[in-house]
Amino acid sequence: MDRERPCERDAFLSKCVVVYTTLIGKSYTLVCPNCSCLAQTYITYKRKKKVWVRVAFLTSLCAWILSSFYSYFILTNFNNTGDLTIVYSVPVQMYTLLSGLVRYMLKKDEYNILILGLDNAGKTTLLEHTKIKFTSGYTGKPFHKITATIGLNIGKISAMGVELLFWDLGGQDELQSLWDKYYSECHGIVYVVDSLDENRVDDSRLAFEKMITNEHLIGVPLLFLCNKQDMQGCLSVNQIREAFSDSATKMGKRDCSVRGVSALHGQGIEDAIVWLTQAVVKNNETRPPINKDD
């Protein structure tokens, strides 16, 4: 920080400058009302270093708050009787500013994730085990009590500094027509295939192709999970990949990962969700998160 001349008041408490910017190469400058000293600070905003921008903003804002507190919040004078009177001039404004700052610093970007696939593919079990792995103290519902989803299930986790909101949609034929109602608001897709049900692999492929070619899902990251890989007699990941080979040309340009998992035992789920989190964050220029800063 370069000043044209020293501030005449305490350097820490005076409002020499409050500068915050999210635009590269531009800044906003405030002149100290007490001594008219001038200062400028330039902050280069990069998405990968977003935390440093927030730290810089917090530091400068705290200096302004302390200065305001010193200059305006507590003013003393004596009335005609000689009693000391405390004048509170801006308590409401200060509270609003502080509470807004706390909300700003603590909020996380949120991404909506669709979990799709035919019924009985293990989507809800996958969601429950995801919550178990990423939510401290959560034990989940007994897996043997999980039934077919009628409508949708919702679950939220925190991972890698962001929040993922999962929408587990029912996979019955009559419910698949509702999938496209959620496409425009999603940031990522998890498509689950039942590796143990060879007879329905082709049905799953048709549902997948109808979904992946929808215009509202162009460029959306895809996590393709071959579930029930722990079961004897299941199709291998390569076999399922081969069964869906004709769909590859219809996927367009997007981040995609094909993995084998066991939703029941939690095998491979954590790594898969970490990959998906990285993919949706990487794609935030195309699909901004819900709490994305302007």
C-alpha atoms as a PDB file:
ATOM      1  CA  MET A   1       0.000   0.000   0.000  1.00  0.00           C
ATOM      2  CA  ASP A   2       1.541   3.369  -1.075  1.00  0.00           C
ATOM      3  CA  ARG A   3       0.351   6.590   0.522  1.00  0.00           C
ATOM      4  CA  GLU A   4       0.845  10.108  -0.809  1.00  0.00           C
ATOM      5  CA  ARG A   5       1.401  11.307   2.758  1.00  0.00           C
ATOM      6  CA  PRO A   6       1.158   9.738   6.226  1.00  0.00           C
ATOM      7  CA  CYS A   7      -2.188   9.682   7.918  1.00  0.00           C
ATOM      8  CA  GLU A   8      -2.414  12.097  10.792  1.00  0.00           C
ATOM      9  CA  ARG A   9      -4.373   9.682  12.908  1.00  0.00           C
ATOM     10  CA  ASP A  10      -3.628   6.214  14.115  1.00  0.00           C
ATOM     11  CA  ALA A  11      -2.621   4.175  11.041  1.00  0.00           C
ATOM     12  CA  PHE A  12      -4.601   1.141  12.084  1.00  0.00           C
ATOM     13  CA  LEU A  13      -7.833   2.822  13.056  1.00  0.00           C
ATOM     14  CA  SER A  14      -8.074   5.561  10.413  1.00  0.00           C
ATOM     15  CA  LYS A  15     -10.108   4.983   7.260  1.00  0.00           C
ATOM     16  CA  CYS A  16      -7.273   5.610   4.857  1.00  0.00           C
ATOM     17  CA  VAL A  17      -8.585   3.172   2.338  1.00  0.00           C
ATOM     18  CA  VAL A  18     -10.941   0.301   1.802  1.00  0.00           C
ATOM     19  CA  VAL A  19     -10.234  -1.395  -1.467  1.00  0.00           C
ATOM     20  CA  TYR A  20     -11.798  -4.538  -2.782  1.00  0.00           C
ATOM     21  CA  THR A  21     -12.123  -5.747  -6.330  1.00  0.00           C
ATOM     22  CA  THR A  22     -12.953  -8.854  -8.267  1.00  0.00           C
ATOM     23  CA  LEU A  23     -11.890  -7.415 -11.570  1.00  0.00           C
ATOM     24  CA  ILE A  24      -8.334  -7.854 -12.807  1.00  0.00           C
ATOM     25  CA  GLY A  25      -6.534  -4.554 -13.123  1.00  0.00           C
ATOM     26  CA  LYS A  26      -9.223  -2.371 -11.572  1.00  0.00           C
ATOM     27  CA  SER A  27      -9.729  -1.131  -8.058  1.00  0.00           C
ATOM     28  CA  TYR A  28     -11.865   1.218  -6.032  1.00  0.00           C
ATOM     29  CA  THR A  29     -10.279   3.828  -3.786  1.00  0.00           C
ATOM     30  CA  LEU A  30     -11.739   5.643  -0.787  1.00  0.00           C
ATOM     31  CA  VAL A  31     -10.090   8.791   0.586  1.00  0.00           C
ATOM     32  CA  CYS A  32      -9.685   9.165   4.317  1.00  0.00           C
ATOM     33  CA  PRO A  33     -12.299  11.697   5.534  1.00  0.00           C
ATOM     34  CA  ASN A  34     -10.039  12.731   8.389  1.00  0.00           C
ATOM     35  CA  CYS A  35      -6.830  13.638   6.604  1.00  0.00           C
ATOM     36  CA  SER A  36      -7.570  13.153   2.886  1.00  0.00           C
ATOM     37  CA  CYS A  37      -4.627  10.769   2.509  1.00  0.00           C
ATOM     38  CA  LEU A  38      -4.815   8.544  -0.507  1.00  0.00           C
ATOM     39  CA  ALA A  39      -4.008   4.884  -0.892  1.00  0.00           C
ATOM     40  CA  GLN A  40      -4.653   2.175  -3.435  1.00  0.00           C
ATOM     41  CA  THR A  41      -4.492  -1.580  -3.354  1.00  0.00           C
ATOM     42  CA  TYR A  42      -4.891  -3.812  -6.368  1.00  0.00           C
ATOM     43  CA  ILE A  43      -6.179  -7.337  -5.936  1.00  0.00           C
ATOM     44  CA  THR A  44      -5.912  -9.764  -8.825  1.00  0.00           C
ATOM     45  CA  TYR A  45      -8.862 -12.103  -8.748  1.00  0.00           C
ATOM     46  CA  LYS A  46      -8.289 -15.725  -9.732  1.00  0.00           C
ATOM     47  CA  ARG A  47     -10.833 -18.443  -9.214  1.00  0.00           C
ATOM     48  CA  LYS A  48      -8.243 -20.931  -8.042  1.00  0.00           C
ATOM     49  CA  LYS A  49      -7.133 -18.481  -5.335  1.00  0.00           C
ATOM     50  CA  LYS A  50     -10.549 -17.295  -4.327  1.00  0.00           C
ATOM     51  CA  VAL A  51      -9.731 -17.759  -0.644  1.00  0.00           C
ATOM     52  CA  TRP A  52      -6.974 -15.142  -0.829  1.00  0.00           C
ATOM     53  CA  VAL A  53      -9.398 -12.606  -2.262  1.00  0.00           C
ATOM     54  CA  ARG A  54     -11.714 -13.213   0.659  1.00  0.00           C
ATOM     55  CA  VAL A  55      -8.861 -12.905   3.154  1.00  0.00           C
ATOM     56  CA  ALA A  56      -7.801  -9.601   1.607  1.00  0.00           C
ATOM     57  CA  PHE A  57     -11.379  -8.367   1.693  1.00  0.00           C
ATOM     58  CA  LEU A  58     -11.796  -9.433   5.317  1.00  0.00           C
ATOM     59  CA  THR A  59      -8.596  -7.672   6.361  1.00  0.00           C
ATOM     60  CA  SER A  60      -9.478  -4.354   4.754  1.00  0.00           C
ATOM     61  CA  LEU A  61     -13.076  -4.545   5.958  1.00  0.00           C
ATOM     62  CA  CYS A  62     -12.005  -5.222   9.549  1.00  0.00           C
ATOM     63  CA  ALA A  63      -9.835  -2.100   9.464  1.00  0.00           C
ATOM     64  CA  TRP A  64     -12.825  -0.104   8.246  1.00  0.00           C
ATOM     65  CA  ILE A  65     -15.067  -1.560  10.976  1.00  0.00           C
ATOM     66  CA  LEU A  66     -12.600  -0.727  13.711  1.00  0.00           C
ATOM     67  CA  SER A  67     -12.190   2.777  12.336  1.00  0.00           C
ATOM     68  CA  SER A  68     -15.949   3.276  12.189  1.00  0.00           C
ATOM     69  CA  PHE A  69     -16.264   1.958  15.714  1.00  0.00           C
ATOM     70  CA  TYR A  70     -13.608   4.378  16.866  1.00  0.00           C
ATOM     71  CA  SER A  71     -14.953   7.378  14.972  1.00  0.00           C
ATOM     72  CA  TYR A  72     -18.738   6.950  15.079  1.00  0.00           C
ATOM     73  CA  PHE A  73     -20.024   4.126  17.200  1.00  0.00           C
ATOM     74  CA  ILE A  74     -19.002   5.329  20.642  1.00  0.00           C
ATOM     75  CA  LEU A  75     -18.992   9.109  20.992  1.00  0.00           C
ATOM     76  CA  THR A  76     -18.872  10.660  24.415  1.00  0.00           C
ATOM     77  CA  ASN A  77     -20.021  14.013  25.595  1.00  0.00           C
ATOM     78  CA  PHE A  78     -21.220  15.576  28.732  1.00  0.00           C
ATOM     79  CA  ASN A  79     -24.733  16.849  29.208  1.00  0.00           C
ATOM     80  CA  ASN A  80     -25.650  19.910  31.214  1.00  0.00           C
ATOM     81  CA  THR A  81     -25.468  17.995  34.488  1.00  0.00           C
ATOM     82  CA  GLY A  82     -21.982  16.755  33.816  1.00  0.00           C
ATOM     83  CA  ASP A  83     -23.037  13.105  33.376  1.00  0.00           C
ATOM     84  CA  LEU A  84     -21.219  11.002  30.816  1.00  0.00           C
ATOM     85  CA  THR A  85     -23.486  10.083  27.903  1.00  0.00           C
ATOM     86  CA  ILE A  86     -22.746   7.315  25.394  1.00  0.00           C
ATOM     87  CA  VAL A  87     -24.099   8.126  21.959  1.00  0.00           C
ATOM     88  CA  TYR A  88     -24.814   5.064  19.783  1.00  0.00           C
ATOM     89  CA  SER A  89     -25.052   6.427  16.272  1.00  0.00           C
ATOM     90  CA  VAL A  90     -24.825   3.357  14.026  1.00  0.00           C
ATOM     91  CA  PRO A  91     -25.447   0.122  16.005  1.00  0.00           C
ATOM     92  CA  VAL A  92     -27.928  -1.297  13.518  1.00  0.00           C
ATOM     93  CA  GLN A  93     -25.688  -0.619  10.540  1.00  0.00           C
ATOM     94  CA  MET A  94     -22.684  -2.180  12.279  1.00  0.00           C
ATOM     95  CA  TYR A  95     -24.647  -5.300  13.218  1.00  0.00           C
ATOM     96  CA  THR A  96     -25.920  -5.669   9.655  1.00  0.00           C
ATOM     97  CA  LEU A  97     -22.426  -5.269   8.270  1.00  0.00           C
ATOM     98  CA  LEU A  98     -20.909  -7.799  10.670  1.00  0.00           C
ATOM     99  CA  SER A  99     -23.645 -10.395  10.176  1.00  0.00           C
ATOM    100  CA  GLY A 100     -23.394  -9.993   6.411  1.00  0.00           C
ATOM    101  CA  LEU A 101     -19.638 -10.467   6.585  1.00  0.00           C
ATOM    102  CA  VAL A 102     -20.007 -13.676   8.593  1.00  0.00           C
ATOM    103  CA  ARG A 103     -22.500 -15.086   6.092  1.00  0.00           C
ATOM    104  CA  TYR A 104     -20.240 -14.102   3.203  1.00  0.00           C
ATOM    105  CA  MET A 105     -17.167 -15.774   4.686  1.00  0.00           C
ATOM    106  CA  LEU A 106     -18.916 -18.990   5.723  1.00  0.00           C
ATOM    107  CA  LYS A 107     -21.057 -19.684   2.661  1.00  0.00           C
ATOM    108  CA  LYS A 108     -19.991 -22.339   0.181  1.00  0.00           C
ATOM    109  CA  ASP A 109     -20.629 -22.759  -3.493  1.00  0.00           C
ATOM    110  CA  GLU A 110     -23.375 -25.330  -4.071  1.00  0.00           C
ATOM    111  CA  TYR A 111     -23.711 -27.722  -7.009  1.00  0.00           C
ATOM    112  CA  ASN A 112     -26.751 -29.815  -7.938  1.00  0.00           C
ATOM    113  CA  ILE A 113     -26.046 -33.434  -8.882  1.00  0.00           C
ATOM    114  CA  LEU A 114     -28.550 -35.793 -10.530  1.00  0.00           C
ATOM    115  CA  ILE A 115     -28.398 -39.516  -9.740  1.00  0.00           C
ATOM    116  CA  LEU A 116     -30.048 -41.353 -12.618  1.00  0.00           C
ATOM    117  CA  GLY A 117     -30.464 -44.939 -13.802  1.00  0.00           C
ATOM    118  CA  LEU A 118     -33.065 -47.675 -13.953  1.00  0.00           C
ATOM    119  CA  ASP A 119     -34.942 -48.769 -10.867  1.00  0.00           C
ATOM    120  CA  ASN A 120     -33.080 -51.267  -8.666  1.00  0.00           C
ATOM    121  CA  ALA A 121     -29.717 -50.059  -9.951  1.00  0.00           C
ATOM    122  CA  GLY A 122     -28.691 -49.014  -6.423  1.00  0.00           C
ATOM    123  CA  LYS A 123     -29.044 -45.233  -6.703  1.00  0.00           C
ATOM    124  CA  THR A 124     -30.522 -44.641  -3.247  1.00  0.00           C
ATOM    125  CA  THR A 125     -28.006 -46.987  -1.626  1.00  0.00           C
ATOM    126  CA  LEU A 126     -25.283 -45.043  -3.403  1.00  0.00           C
ATOM    127  CA  LEU A 127     -26.662 -41.775  -2.016  1.00  0.00           C
ATOM    128  CA  GLU A 128     -26.839 -43.151   1.514  1.00  0.00           C
ATOM    129  CA  HIS A 129     -23.263 -44.430   1.424  1.00  0.00           C
ATOM    130  CA  THR A 130     -22.093 -41.122  -0.023  1.00  0.00           C
ATOM    131  CA  LYS A 131     -23.642 -39.281   2.920  1.00  0.00           C
ATOM    132  CA  ILE A 132     -22.055 -41.736   5.331  1.00  0.00           C
ATOM    133  CA  LYS A 133     -18.594 -41.205   3.879  1.00  0.00           C
ATOM    134  CA  PHE A 134     -18.767 -37.413   3.667  1.00  0.00           C
ATOM    135  CA  THR A 135     -20.914 -36.516   6.691  1.00  0.00           C
ATOM    136  CA  SER A 136     -19.366 -36.852  10.120  1.00  0.00           C
ATOM    137  CA  GLY A 137     -21.558 -38.763  12.554  1.00  0.00           C
ATOM    138  CA  TYR A 138     -24.114 -39.832   9.961  1.00  0.00           C
ATOM    139  CA  THR A 139     -24.832 -43.550  10.119  1.00  0.00           C
ATOM    140  CA  GLY A 140     -27.510 -43.729   7.420  1.00  0.00           C
ATOM    141  CA  LYS A 141     -30.677 -45.764   7.223  1.00  0.00           C
ATOM    142  CA  PRO A 142     -30.483 -49.581   7.238  1.00  0.00           C
ATOM    143  CA  PHE A 143     -29.776 -50.664   3.676  1.00  0.00           C
ATOM    144  CA  HIS A 144     -32.221 -53.562   3.848  1.00  0.00           C
ATOM    145  CA  LYS A 145     -35.021 -51.031   4.447  1.00  0.00           C
ATOM    146  CA  ILE A 146     -34.307 -49.039   1.284  1.00  0.00           C
ATOM    147  CA  THR A 147     -37.139 -49.423  -1.212  1.00  0.00           C
ATOM    148  CA  ALA A 148     -37.747 -48.272  -4.775  1.00  0.00           C
ATOM    149  CA  THR A 149     -37.787 -44.480  -5.065  1.00  0.00           C
ATOM    150  CA  ILE A 150     -41.159 -42.998  -5.922  1.00  0.00           C
ATOM    151  CA  GLY A 151     -40.386 -39.412  -6.844  1.00  0.00           C
ATOM    152  CA  LEU A 152     -36.984 -38.396  -5.542  1.00  0.00           C
ATOM    153  CA  ASN A 153     -34.639 -38.482  -2.577  1.00  0.00           C
ATOM    154  CA  ILE A 154     -32.475 -35.511  -1.650  1.00  0.00           C
ATOM    155  CA  GLY A 155     -29.157 -35.498   0.171  1.00  0.00           C
ATOM    156  CA  LYS A 156     -26.427 -32.923   0.727  1.00  0.00           C
ATOM    157  CA  ILE A 157     -22.732 -33.323   1.524  1.00  0.00           C
ATOM    158  CA  SER A 158     -19.705 -31.061   1.852  1.00  0.00           C
ATOM    159  CA  ALA A 159     -16.606 -32.037  -0.085  1.00  0.00           C
ATOM    160  CA  MET A 160     -13.436 -30.154  -0.997  1.00  0.00           C
ATOM    161  CA  GLY A 161     -14.788 -26.811   0.196  1.00  0.00           C
ATOM    162  CA  VAL A 162     -18.072 -26.939  -1.726  1.00  0.00           C
ATOM    163  CA  GLU A 163     -21.508 -28.442  -1.175  1.00  0.00           C
ATOM    164  CA  LEU A 164     -23.098 -31.074  -3.387  1.00  0.00           C
ATOM    165  CA  LEU A 165     -26.875 -31.380  -3.389  1.00  0.00           C
ATOM    166  CA  PHE A 166     -27.902 -34.791  -4.775  1.00  0.00           C
ATOM    167  CA  TRP A 167     -31.250 -35.470  -6.423  1.00  0.00           C
ATOM    168  CA  ASP A 168     -31.887 -39.212  -6.584  1.00  0.00           C
ATOM    169  CA  LEU A 169     -34.686 -39.627  -9.139  1.00  0.00           C
ATOM    170  CA  GLY A 170     -36.850 -42.704  -9.524  1.00  0.00           C
ATOM    171  CA  GLY A 171     -35.874 -44.950 -12.444  1.00  0.00           C
ATOM    172  CA  GLN A 172     -39.169 -46.658 -13.257  1.00  0.00           C
ATOM    173  CA  ASP A 173     -40.371 -46.241 -16.855  1.00  0.00           C
ATOM    174  CA  GLU A 174     -43.180 -43.901 -15.878  1.00  0.00           C
ATOM    175  CA  LEU A 175     -40.818 -41.713 -13.829  1.00  0.00           C
ATOM    176  CA  GLN A 176     -38.099 -41.343 -16.452  1.00  0.00           C
ATOM    177  CA  SER A 177     -40.263 -38.814 -18.253  1.00  0.00           C
ATOM    178  CA  LEU A 178     -39.720 -36.484 -15.296  1.00  0.00           C
ATOM    179  CA  TRP A 179     -35.923 -36.527 -15.487  1.00  0.00           C
ATOM    180  CA  ASP A 180     -35.672 -33.706 -17.995  1.00  0.00           C
ATOM    181  CA  LYS A 181     -37.438 -31.330 -15.581  1.00  0.00           C
ATOM    182  CA  TYR A 182     -34.208 -31.197 -13.575  1.00  0.00           C
ATOM    183  CA  TYR A 183     -31.619 -31.019 -16.364  1.00  0.00           C
ATOM    184  CA  SER A 184     -31.308 -27.255 -16.713  1.00  0.00           C
ATOM    185  CA  GLU A 185     -30.501 -26.791 -13.012  1.00  0.00           C
ATOM    186  CA  CYS A 186     -27.968 -29.588 -12.560  1.00  0.00           C
ATOM    187  CA  HIS A 187     -24.183 -29.265 -12.543  1.00  0.00           C
ATOM    188  CA  GLY A 188     -23.267 -32.934 -12.780  1.00  0.00           C
ATOM    189  CA  ILE A 189     -24.737 -36.368 -13.523  1.00  0.00           C
ATOM    190  CA  VAL A 190     -24.219 -39.711 -11.842  1.00  0.00           C
ATOM    191  CA  TYR A 191     -25.548 -42.523 -14.022  1.00  0.00           C
ATOM    192  CA  VAL A 192     -25.796 -45.901 -12.292  1.00  0.00           C
ATOM    193  CA  VAL A 193     -25.965 -49.246 -14.096  1.00  0.00           C
ATOM    194  CA  ASP A 194     -26.891 -52.539 -12.423  1.00  0.00           C
ATOM    195  CA  SER A 195     -23.951 -54.803 -13.334  1.00  0.00           C
ATOM    196  CA  LEU A 196     -25.841 -57.844 -12.095  1.00  0.00           C
ATOM    197  CA  ASP A 197     -28.896 -57.440 -14.333  1.00  0.00           C
ATOM    198  CA  GLU A 198     -27.617 -58.358 -17.788  1.00  0.00           C
ATOM    199  CA  ASN A 199     -31.124 -58.566 -19.206  1.00  0.00           C
ATOM    200  CA  ARG A 200     -31.759 -54.855 -18.623  1.00  0.00           C
ATOM    201  CA  VAL A 201     -28.452 -53.445 -19.795  1.00  0.00           C
ATOM    202  CA  ASP A 202     -29.937 -52.561 -23.167  1.00  0.00           C
ATOM    203  CA  ASP A 203     -32.878 -50.807 -21.501  1.00  0.00           C
ATOM    204  CA  SER A 204     -30.417 -48.847 -19.419  1.00  0.00           C
ATOM    205  CA  ARG A 205     -28.462 -47.881 -22.529  1.00  0.00           C
ATOM    206  CA  LEU A 206     -31.591 -46.536 -24.231  1.00  0.00           C
ATOM    207  CA  ALA A 207     -32.491 -44.472 -21.162  1.00  0.00           C
ATOM    208  CA  PHE A 208     -28.905 -43.223 -21.008  1.00  0.00           C
ATOM    209  CA  GLU A 209     -28.859 -42.134 -24.655  1.00  0.00           C
ATOM    210  CA  LYS A 210     -32.145 -40.278 -24.325  1.00  0.00           C
ATOM    211  CA  MET A 211     -30.781 -38.483 -21.290  1.00  0.00           C
ATOM    212  CA  ILE A 212     -27.270 -37.664 -22.496  1.00  0.00           C
ATOM    213  CA  THR A 213     -28.429 -36.184 -25.818  1.00  0.00           C
ATOM    214  CA  ASN A 214     -30.728 -33.650 -24.158  1.00  0.00           C
ATOM    215  CA  GLU A 215     -29.698 -30.104 -25.076  1.00  0.00           C
ATOM    216  CA  HIS A 216     -29.841 -28.954 -21.448  1.00  0.00           C
ATOM    217  CA  LEU A 217     -27.058 -31.367 -20.502  1.00  0.00           C
ATOM    218  CA  ILE A 218     -24.475 -30.298 -23.072  1.00  0.00           C
ATOM    219  CA  GLY A 219     -21.055 -30.197 -21.441  1.00  0.00           C
ATOM    220  CA  VAL A 220     -22.273 -31.374 -18.016  1.00  0.00           C
ATOM    221  CA  PRO A 221     -19.735 -33.697 -16.319  1.00  0.00           C
ATOM    222  CA  LEU A 222     -20.748 -37.371 -16.212  1.00  0.00           C
ATOM    223  CA  LEU A 223     -19.851 -39.975 -13.605  1.00  0.00           C
ATOM    224  CA  PHE A 224     -20.812 -43.391 -15.007  1.00  0.00           C
ATOM    225  CA  LEU A 225     -20.933 -46.040 -12.276  1.00  0.00           C
ATOM    226  CA  CYS A 226     -21.115 -49.787 -12.825  1.00  0.00           C
ATOM    227  CA  ASN A 227     -22.683 -50.813  -9.537  1.00  0.00           C
ATOM    228  CA  LYS A 228     -22.728 -54.177  -7.704  1.00  0.00           C
ATOM    229  CA  GLN A 229     -19.188 -55.062  -8.759  1.00  0.00           C
ATOM    230  CA  ASP A 230     -18.891 -56.993  -5.487  1.00  0.00           C
ATOM    231  CA  MET A 231     -21.498 -59.537  -6.618  1.00  0.00           C
ATOM    232  CA  GLN A 232     -20.525 -62.858  -8.161  1.00  0.00           C
ATOM    233  CA  GLY A 233     -21.578 -63.196 -11.792  1.00  0.00           C
ATOM    234  CA  CYS A 234     -21.839 -59.480 -12.460  1.00  0.00           C
ATOM    235  CA  LEU A 235     -20.768 -57.913 -15.740  1.00  0.00           C
ATOM    236  CA  SER A 236     -17.318 -56.359 -15.631  1.00  0.00           C
ATOM    237  CA  VAL A 237     -16.721 -52.653 -16.207  1.00  0.00           C
ATOM    238  CA  ASN A 238     -15.243 -53.438 -19.625  1.00  0.00           C
ATOM    239  CA  GLN A 239     -18.280 -55.497 -20.602  1.00  0.00           C
ATOM    240  CA  ILE A 240     -20.628 -52.679 -19.678  1.00  0.00           C
ATOM    241  CA  ARG A 241     -18.415 -50.189 -21.440  1.00  0.00           C
ATOM    242  CA  GLU A 242     -18.665 -52.324 -24.565  1.00  0.00           C
ATOM    243  CA  ALA A 243     -22.456 -52.552 -24.266  1.00  0.00           C
ATOM    244  CA  PHE A 244     -22.616 -48.735 -24.174  1.00  0.00           C
ATOM    245  CA  SER A 245     -20.005 -48.215 -26.894  1.00  0.00           C
ATOM    246  CA  ASP A 246     -22.548 -46.907 -29.407  1.00  0.00           C
ATOM    247  CA  SER A 247     -23.497 -44.182 -26.928  1.00  0.00           C
ATOM    248  CA  ALA A 248     -19.971 -42.764 -26.780  1.00  0.00           C
ATOM    249  CA  THR A 249     -20.363 -40.799 -30.010  1.00  0.00           C
ATOM    250  CA  LYS A 250     -23.541 -39.146 -28.698  1.00  0.00           C
ATOM    251  CA  MET A 251     -22.048 -37.818 -25.472  1.00  0.00           C
ATOM    252  CA  GLY A 252     -20.403 -34.739 -26.937  1.00  0.00           C
ATOM    253  CA  LYS A 253     -17.547 -32.910 -25.278  1.00  0.00           C
ATOM    254  CA  ARG A 254     -17.643 -33.292 -21.513  1.00  0.00           C
ATOM    255  CA  ASP A 255     -15.620 -34.651 -18.601  1.00  0.00           C
ATOM    256  CA  CYS A 256     -16.506 -38.303 -18.102  1.00  0.00           C
ATOM    257  CA  SER A 257     -15.342 -41.090 -15.805  1.00  0.00           C
ATOM    258  CA  VAL A 258     -16.419 -44.758 -15.911  1.00  0.00           C
ATOM    259  CA  ARG A 259     -15.904 -46.635 -12.653  1.00  0.00           C
ATOM    260  CA  GLY A 260     -16.860 -49.860 -10.954  1.00  0.00           C
ATOM    261  CA  VAL A 261     -18.330 -49.521  -7.440  1.00  0.00           C
ATOM    262  CA  SER A 262     -20.247 -51.328  -4.759  1.00  0.00           C
ATOM    263  CA  ALA A 263     -22.880 -49.000  -3.338  1.00  0.00           C
ATOM    264  CA  LEU A 264     -23.794 -51.562  -0.697  1.00  0.00           C
ATOM    265  CA  HIS A 265     -20.291 -51.824   0.749  1.00  0.00           C
ATOM    266  CA  GLY A 266     -19.061 -48.365  -0.213  1.00  0.00           C
ATOM    267  CA  GLN A 267     -16.226 -49.569  -2.412  1.00  0.00           C
ATOM    268  CA  GLY A 268     -14.973 -46.926  -4.845  1.00  0.00           C
ATOM    269  CA  ILE A 269     -17.574 -44.333  -3.869  1.00  0.00           C
ATOM    270  CA  GLU A 270     -15.306 -41.834  -2.158  1.00  0.00           C
ATOM    271  CA  ASP A 271     -12.855 -41.585  -5.056  1.00  0.00           C
ATOM    272  CA  ALA A 272     -15.742 -41.291  -7.511  1.00  0.00           C
ATOM    273  CA  ILE A 273     -17.349 -38.402  -5.628  1.00  0.00           C
ATOM    274  CA  VAL A 274     -14.008 -36.618  -5.312  1.00  0.00           C
ATOM    275  CA  TRP A 275     -13.582 -36.856  -9.096  1.00  0.00           C
ATOM    276  CA  LEU A 276     -17.106 -35.538  -9.659  1.00  0.00           C
ATOM    277  CA  THR A 277     -16.530 -32.619  -7.294  1.00  0.00           C
ATOM    278  CA  GLN A 278     -13.384 -31.623  -9.151  1.00  0.00           C
ATOM    279  CA  ALA A 279     -15.196 -31.928 -12.486  1.00  0.00           C
ATOM    280  CA  VAL A 280     -18.150 -29.677 -11.573  1.00  0.00           C
ATOM    281  CA  VAL A 281     -15.863 -27.058 -10.031  1.00  0.00           C
ATOM    282  CA  LYS A 282     -13.725 -27.124 -13.167  1.00  0.00           C
ATOM    283  CA  ASN A 283     -16.885 -26.607 -15.239  1.00  0.00           C
ATOM    284  CA  ASN A 284     -18.120 -23.627 -13.216  1.00  0.00           C
ATOM    285  CA  GLU A 285     -17.600 -21.195 -16.083  1.00  0.00           C
ATOM    286  CA  THR A 286     -20.286 -23.029 -18.066  1.00  0.00           C
ATOM    287  CA  ARG A 287     -22.462 -23.957 -15.086  1.00  0.00           C
ATOM    288  CA  PRO A 288     -21.879 -21.472 -12.238  1.00  0.00           C
ATOM    289  CA  PRO A 289     -22.637 -22.742  -8.719  1.00  0.00           C
ATOM    290  CA  ILE A 290     -25.712 -21.521  -6.911  1.00  0.00           C
ATOM    291  CA  ASN A 291     -23.785 -19.338  -4.467  1.00  0.00           C
ATOM    292  CA  LYS A 292     -21.311 -18.088  -7.025  1.00  0.00           C
ATOM    293  CA  ASP A 293     -20.124 -14.541  -6.345  1.00  0.00           C
ATOM    294  CA  ASP A 294     -20.860 -11.991  -9.025  1.00  0.00           C
END
